[in-house]
């Protein structure tokens, strides 16, 4: 089989080959369109003295048909996979007007098939499936909205008593909290009257630590983000020395008792007084 190229000014033109090369650019294999262009170029520029036989054309057309069926099957499989995305938590990319990309997270509420392509509906917006960046485990997006805080450490010396301040993140949207409860060693709830709130900062009054026995203790933080009630177990570690616990104290709530923060408590307990506590940055 011979392939004849047009001759101009004594030079062979390779227009067909260049056109095919452009179609193949960026692909790792021979695409359907490129395959068809090669077949057409072969028929157009074949050697009249040594033409391609009918058998060869039939074999090539069969290969073309097989390639097209494989590509259609691959597209069908991909679209079937997209249909299973309903209910999944995903991240999709969005091209901005300046050409940069931004990313949106949400739950796939529907899949639309149009023109052989799949489109995902995420939080009411339609996105081409080609813009799918990542699929998350179930509950991932809700977890990102939950309240949180960084681990804290505080050393309390009764000879030089100090309050202790720390910062929390209340979370967002349906998982957002507004208040916390502090539990010492998993059993003693600190009386809210001994806790001062200032925006995202909380300050534990020094009297609380003075009622702890010398040694290591942990404080857990429970958020009131009903119905989740996020709890950070033992997130605050406390080393206590030179304390003097008393059996008669209102520092800890009695079993079954409730309490609320006392907004009239001395401003000396607030985070603004840096000399009274170690303000923790998150």
Protein backbone atom coordinates (compact mmCIF):
# COMPACT_ATOMS: atom_id res chain seq x y z
CA UNK A 1 0.00 0.00 0.00
CA UNK A 2 1.40 3.36 -1.02
CA UNK A 3 0.51 6.83 0.13
CA UNK A 4 1.07 9.69 -2.35
CA UNK A 5 1.40 13.30 -1.14
CA UNK A 6 0.79 16.35 -3.36
CA UNK A 7 3.92 18.01 -4.74
CA UNK A 8 4.34 21.80 -4.93
CA UNK A 9 7.46 23.65 -6.10
CA UNK A 10 9.36 20.40 -6.06
CA UNK A 11 8.50 19.71 -2.38
CA UNK A 12 6.10 17.15 -0.93
CA UNK A 13 3.27 18.74 1.07
CA UNK A 14 2.28 16.96 4.29
CA UNK A 15 -0.96 18.86 5.01
CA UNK A 16 -3.00 15.77 5.85
CA UNK A 17 -0.41 14.44 8.26
CA UNK A 18 -0.06 17.82 10.00
CA UNK A 19 -3.84 18.08 10.35
CA UNK A 20 -3.99 14.63 11.89
CA UNK A 21 -1.14 15.43 14.26
CA UNK A 22 -3.05 18.45 15.55
CA UNK A 23 -6.10 16.29 16.29
CA UNK A 24 -3.94 13.85 18.20
CA UNK A 25 -2.21 16.57 20.26
CA UNK A 26 -2.83 16.13 23.97
CA UNK A 27 -4.09 12.53 23.57
CA UNK A 28 -2.18 9.44 24.59
CA UNK A 29 -3.76 7.30 21.81
CA UNK A 30 -5.29 7.50 18.34
CA UNK A 31 -8.76 9.05 18.58
CA UNK A 32 -11.77 8.26 16.42
CA UNK A 33 -11.58 11.50 14.43
CA UNK A 34 -7.84 11.14 13.82
CA UNK A 35 -8.34 7.53 12.69
CA UNK A 36 -11.02 8.62 10.19
CA UNK A 37 -8.84 11.43 8.83
CA UNK A 38 -5.99 8.99 8.24
CA UNK A 39 -8.34 6.67 6.35
CA UNK A 40 -9.67 9.53 4.18
CA UNK A 41 -6.14 10.79 3.51
CA UNK A 42 -5.10 7.28 2.48
CA UNK A 43 -7.97 7.02 0.00
CA UNK A 44 -7.34 10.54 -1.37
CA UNK A 45 -3.61 10.20 -1.93
CA UNK A 46 -3.23 6.52 -2.81
CA UNK A 47 -0.95 5.54 -5.70
CA UNK A 48 -3.08 5.01 -8.84
CA UNK A 49 -0.53 2.42 -10.00
CA UNK A 50 -0.77 0.50 -6.74
CA UNK A 51 -4.24 1.14 -5.29
CA UNK A 52 -5.42 -0.21 -1.97
CA UNK A 53 -7.53 -3.36 -2.31
CA UNK A 54 -11.17 -3.60 -1.17
CA UNK A 55 -10.14 -6.15 1.44
CA UNK A 56 -7.76 -3.69 3.08
CA UNK A 57 -10.44 -0.99 3.17
CA UNK A 58 -12.96 -3.36 4.72
CA UNK A 59 -10.44 -4.36 7.39
CA UNK A 60 -9.68 -0.71 8.16
CA UNK A 61 -13.36 0.20 8.31
CA UNK A 62 -13.91 -2.69 10.70
CA UNK A 63 -11.13 -1.34 12.91
CA UNK A 64 -12.73 2.10 12.78
CA UNK A 65 -16.11 0.68 13.78
CA UNK A 66 -14.53 -1.25 16.64
CA UNK A 67 -12.74 1.86 17.88
CA UNK A 68 -15.97 3.87 17.79
CA UNK A 69 -17.85 1.18 19.75
CA UNK A 70 -15.11 1.07 22.39
CA UNK A 71 -15.23 4.84 22.81
CA UNK A 72 -19.02 4.81 23.06
CA UNK A 73 -18.83 2.02 25.66
CA UNK A 74 -16.29 3.99 27.68
CA UNK A 75 -18.53 7.07 27.60
CA UNK A 76 -21.53 4.97 28.68
CA UNK A 77 -19.57 3.50 31.60
CA UNK A 78 -18.41 6.95 32.68
CA UNK A 79 -21.98 8.31 32.59
CA UNK A 80 -23.20 5.30 34.58
CA UNK A 81 -20.61 6.08 37.24
CA UNK A 82 -21.80 9.69 37.31
CA UNK A 83 -25.39 8.52 37.96
CA UNK A 84 -24.15 6.81 41.13
CA UNK A 85 -22.85 10.19 42.40
CA UNK A 86 -26.30 11.30 43.64
CA UNK A 87 -26.06 11.91 47.39
CA UNK A 88 -22.25 12.06 47.39
CA UNK A 89 -20.29 14.93 48.93
CA UNK A 90 -17.96 16.42 46.32
CA UNK A 91 -15.66 19.27 45.37
CA UNK A 92 -15.96 20.83 41.88
CA UNK A 93 -13.83 23.46 40.17
CA UNK A 94 -15.21 26.70 38.73
CA UNK A 95 -13.36 28.88 36.22
CA UNK A 96 -13.47 32.56 37.12
CA UNK A 97 -13.69 35.41 34.64
CA UNK A 98 -9.93 36.05 34.99
CA UNK A 99 -9.10 32.43 34.14
CA UNK A 100 -8.28 31.34 37.68
CA UNK A 101 -10.02 28.44 39.39
CA UNK A 102 -12.09 28.42 42.56
CA UNK A 103 -13.57 25.40 44.29
CA UNK A 104 -17.07 24.64 45.55
CA UNK A 105 -18.05 21.92 48.00
CA UNK A 106 -21.50 20.42 48.33
CA UNK A 107 -23.76 17.40 47.93
CA UNK A 108 -24.81 16.07 44.52
CA UNK A 109 -28.60 16.26 44.35
CA UNK A 110 -28.97 15.13 40.73
CA UNK A 111 -27.20 14.07 37.52
CA UNK A 112 -28.22 15.23 34.03
CA UNK A 113 -27.14 13.44 30.83
CA UNK A 114 -27.08 15.65 27.74
CA UNK A 115 -25.20 15.39 24.46
CA UNK A 116 -23.31 12.34 25.69
CA UNK A 117 -21.99 14.25 28.71
CA UNK A 118 -22.92 14.16 32.39
CA UNK A 119 -23.66 17.23 34.52
CA UNK A 120 -23.82 17.29 38.31
CA UNK A 121 -26.26 19.41 40.28
CA UNK A 122 -24.46 20.60 43.42
CA UNK A 123 -26.32 22.92 45.81
CA UNK A 124 -28.66 23.99 43.01
CA UNK A 125 -25.94 24.72 40.44
CA UNK A 126 -25.07 22.62 37.37
CA UNK A 127 -21.44 21.56 36.80
CA UNK A 128 -19.82 19.61 33.97
CA UNK A 129 -18.63 16.23 35.34
CA UNK A 130 -15.19 17.07 33.92
CA UNK A 131 -14.93 19.69 36.69
CA UNK A 132 -15.27 17.07 39.42
CA UNK A 133 -12.16 17.40 41.62
CA UNK A 134 -12.74 15.13 44.63
CA UNK A 135 -15.33 12.85 46.22
CA UNK A 136 -15.45 12.86 50.03
CA UNK A 137 -16.44 10.25 52.56
CA UNK A 138 -19.97 10.58 53.88
CA UNK A 139 -20.21 13.19 56.64
CA UNK A 140 -16.99 14.99 55.68
CA UNK A 141 -18.63 18.34 54.88
CA UNK A 142 -20.65 18.32 58.11
CA UNK A 143 -17.49 17.56 60.07
CA UNK A 144 -15.86 20.68 58.60
CA UNK A 145 -18.70 22.78 60.04
CA UNK A 146 -18.40 21.40 63.57
CA UNK A 147 -17.00 23.42 66.52
CA UNK A 148 -13.36 22.86 67.29
CA UNK A 149 -10.37 24.12 69.26
CA UNK A 150 -6.67 23.42 69.53
CA UNK A 151 -5.13 21.38 72.33
CA UNK A 152 -4.13 23.45 75.36
CA UNK A 153 -1.69 23.09 78.29
CA UNK A 154 -1.72 25.04 81.56
CA UNK A 155 0.52 24.78 84.61
CA UNK A 156 -1.10 26.10 87.79
CA UNK A 157 0.94 27.05 90.85
CA UNK A 158 -1.13 27.93 93.91
CA UNK A 159 1.65 30.20 95.18
CA UNK A 160 1.28 32.41 92.07
CA UNK A 161 -2.33 31.74 91.01
CA UNK A 162 -3.52 32.74 87.54
CA UNK A 163 -6.66 32.48 85.48
CA UNK A 164 -6.46 30.53 82.22
CA UNK A 165 -7.89 31.71 78.87
CA UNK A 166 -8.37 29.81 75.63
CA UNK A 167 -10.07 30.30 72.28
CA UNK A 168 -12.70 28.14 70.58
CA UNK A 169 -14.22 27.97 67.09
CA UNK A 170 -18.01 27.67 67.41
CA UNK A 171 -18.45 26.17 63.93
CA UNK A 172 -20.83 27.31 61.20
CA UNK A 173 -24.30 26.79 59.75
CA UNK A 174 -26.37 23.94 61.17
CA UNK A 175 -23.48 22.70 63.32
CA UNK A 176 -22.78 26.04 65.02
CA UNK A 177 -22.65 26.27 68.83
CA UNK A 178 -23.10 29.29 71.11
CA UNK A 179 -21.87 28.06 74.49
CA UNK A 180 -19.68 25.41 76.11
CA UNK A 181 -19.54 23.32 79.27
CA UNK A 182 -16.24 22.40 80.91
CA UNK A 183 -15.79 18.99 82.55
CA UNK A 184 -12.76 18.17 84.72
CA UNK A 185 -11.42 14.60 84.61
CA UNK A 186 -14.59 13.44 82.91
CA UNK A 187 -16.84 13.90 85.97
CA UNK A 188 -16.76 17.39 87.52
CA UNK A 189 -18.68 20.12 85.71
CA UNK A 190 -17.22 23.58 86.34
CA UNK A 191 -19.78 26.05 87.66
CA UNK A 192 -20.47 28.60 84.87
CA UNK A 193 -20.10 31.36 87.47
CA UNK A 194 -16.36 30.63 87.42
CA UNK A 195 -16.11 30.90 83.63
CA UNK A 196 -15.94 34.21 81.79
CA UNK A 197 -16.83 34.53 78.09
CA UNK A 198 -15.56 37.25 75.75
CA UNK A 199 -16.55 36.55 72.15
CA UNK A 200 -14.64 33.37 71.21
CA UNK A 201 -12.50 33.41 74.35
CA UNK A 202 -13.23 31.71 77.65
CA UNK A 203 -11.40 32.29 80.92
CA UNK A 204 -11.41 29.77 83.79
CA UNK A 205 -11.13 31.44 87.19
CA UNK A 206 -8.05 30.50 89.25
CA UNK A 207 -10.31 29.26 92.08
CA UNK A 208 -11.21 26.24 89.93
CA UNK A 209 -7.60 25.07 89.73
CA UNK A 210 -7.08 25.69 93.44
CA UNK A 211 -9.79 23.09 94.12
CA UNK A 212 -7.94 20.38 92.14
CA UNK A 213 -5.60 17.97 93.86
CA UNK A 214 -1.91 18.34 92.96
CA UNK A 215 -1.03 16.39 89.82
CA UNK A 216 -2.20 16.10 86.24
CA UNK A 217 -5.79 16.74 85.20
CA UNK A 218 -7.72 17.05 81.95
CA UNK A 219 -10.60 19.31 81.00
CA UNK A 220 -13.06 18.31 78.28
CA UNK A 221 -15.03 20.89 76.33
CA UNK A 222 -18.64 20.17 75.31
CA UNK A 223 -20.36 22.47 72.78
CA UNK A 224 -24.13 23.02 72.81
CA UNK A 225 -24.58 22.48 69.05
CA UNK A 226 -27.76 20.42 69.41
CA UNK A 227 -28.25 17.67 68.24
CA UNK A 228 -24.52 16.95 67.84
CA UNK A 229 -23.18 18.20 71.18
CA UNK A 230 -19.59 18.07 69.94
CA UNK A 231 -17.18 17.12 72.73
CA UNK A 232 -13.41 17.55 72.75
CA UNK A 233 -12.28 14.97 75.28
CA UNK A 234 -9.35 16.02 77.48
CA UNK A 235 -8.45 18.85 75.10
CA UNK A 236 -6.97 20.90 77.96
CA UNK A 237 -4.17 19.41 80.06
CA UNK A 238 -3.49 20.93 83.47
CA UNK A 239 -0.56 20.42 85.86
CA UNK A 240 -1.46 21.53 89.39
CA UNK A 241 0.96 22.19 92.28
CA UNK A 242 0.50 23.92 95.63
CA UNK A 243 -3.29 23.72 95.58
CA UNK A 244 -5.53 23.49 98.64
CA UNK A 245 -8.83 21.76 97.79
CA UNK A 246 -11.78 22.26 100.11
CA UNK A 247 -14.70 19.90 100.57
CA UNK A 248 -17.13 22.82 100.76
CA UNK A 249 -17.00 24.60 97.42
CA UNK A 250 -19.35 25.77 94.69
CA UNK A 251 -16.64 25.61 92.01
CA UNK A 252 -18.16 22.39 90.66
CA UNK A 253 -21.86 21.85 90.06
CA UNK A 254 -23.62 19.38 92.28
CA UNK A 255 -25.21 16.39 90.56
CA UNK A 256 -28.38 17.48 88.82
CA UNK A 257 -27.64 21.20 89.32
CA UNK A 258 -27.65 23.73 86.52
CA UNK A 259 -26.04 27.11 86.21
CA UNK A 260 -25.44 30.01 83.83
CA UNK A 261 -22.51 32.38 83.38
CA UNK A 262 -22.54 35.33 85.79
CA UNK A 263 -22.10 38.43 83.64
CA UNK A 264 -21.59 40.57 86.77
CA UNK A 265 -18.44 38.70 87.78
CA UNK A 266 -15.32 40.84 88.14
CA UNK A 267 -13.65 42.01 84.93
CA UNK A 268 -10.41 40.71 86.43
CA UNK A 269 -11.47 37.31 85.05
CA UNK A 270 -11.71 38.48 81.44
CA UNK A 271 -9.16 37.61 78.71
CA UNK A 272 -8.25 41.30 78.33
CA UNK A 273 -6.25 41.09 81.56
CA UNK A 274 -3.19 39.40 80.16
CA UNK A 275 -1.48 39.35 83.50
CA UNK A 276 -4.22 37.07 84.91
CA UNK A 277 -3.95 34.28 82.38
CA UNK A 278 -2.26 32.59 79.45
CA UNK A 279 -4.24 33.58 76.39
CA UNK A 280 -4.07 30.71 73.92
CA UNK A 281 -3.90 31.47 70.23
CA UNK A 282 -5.40 29.03 67.74
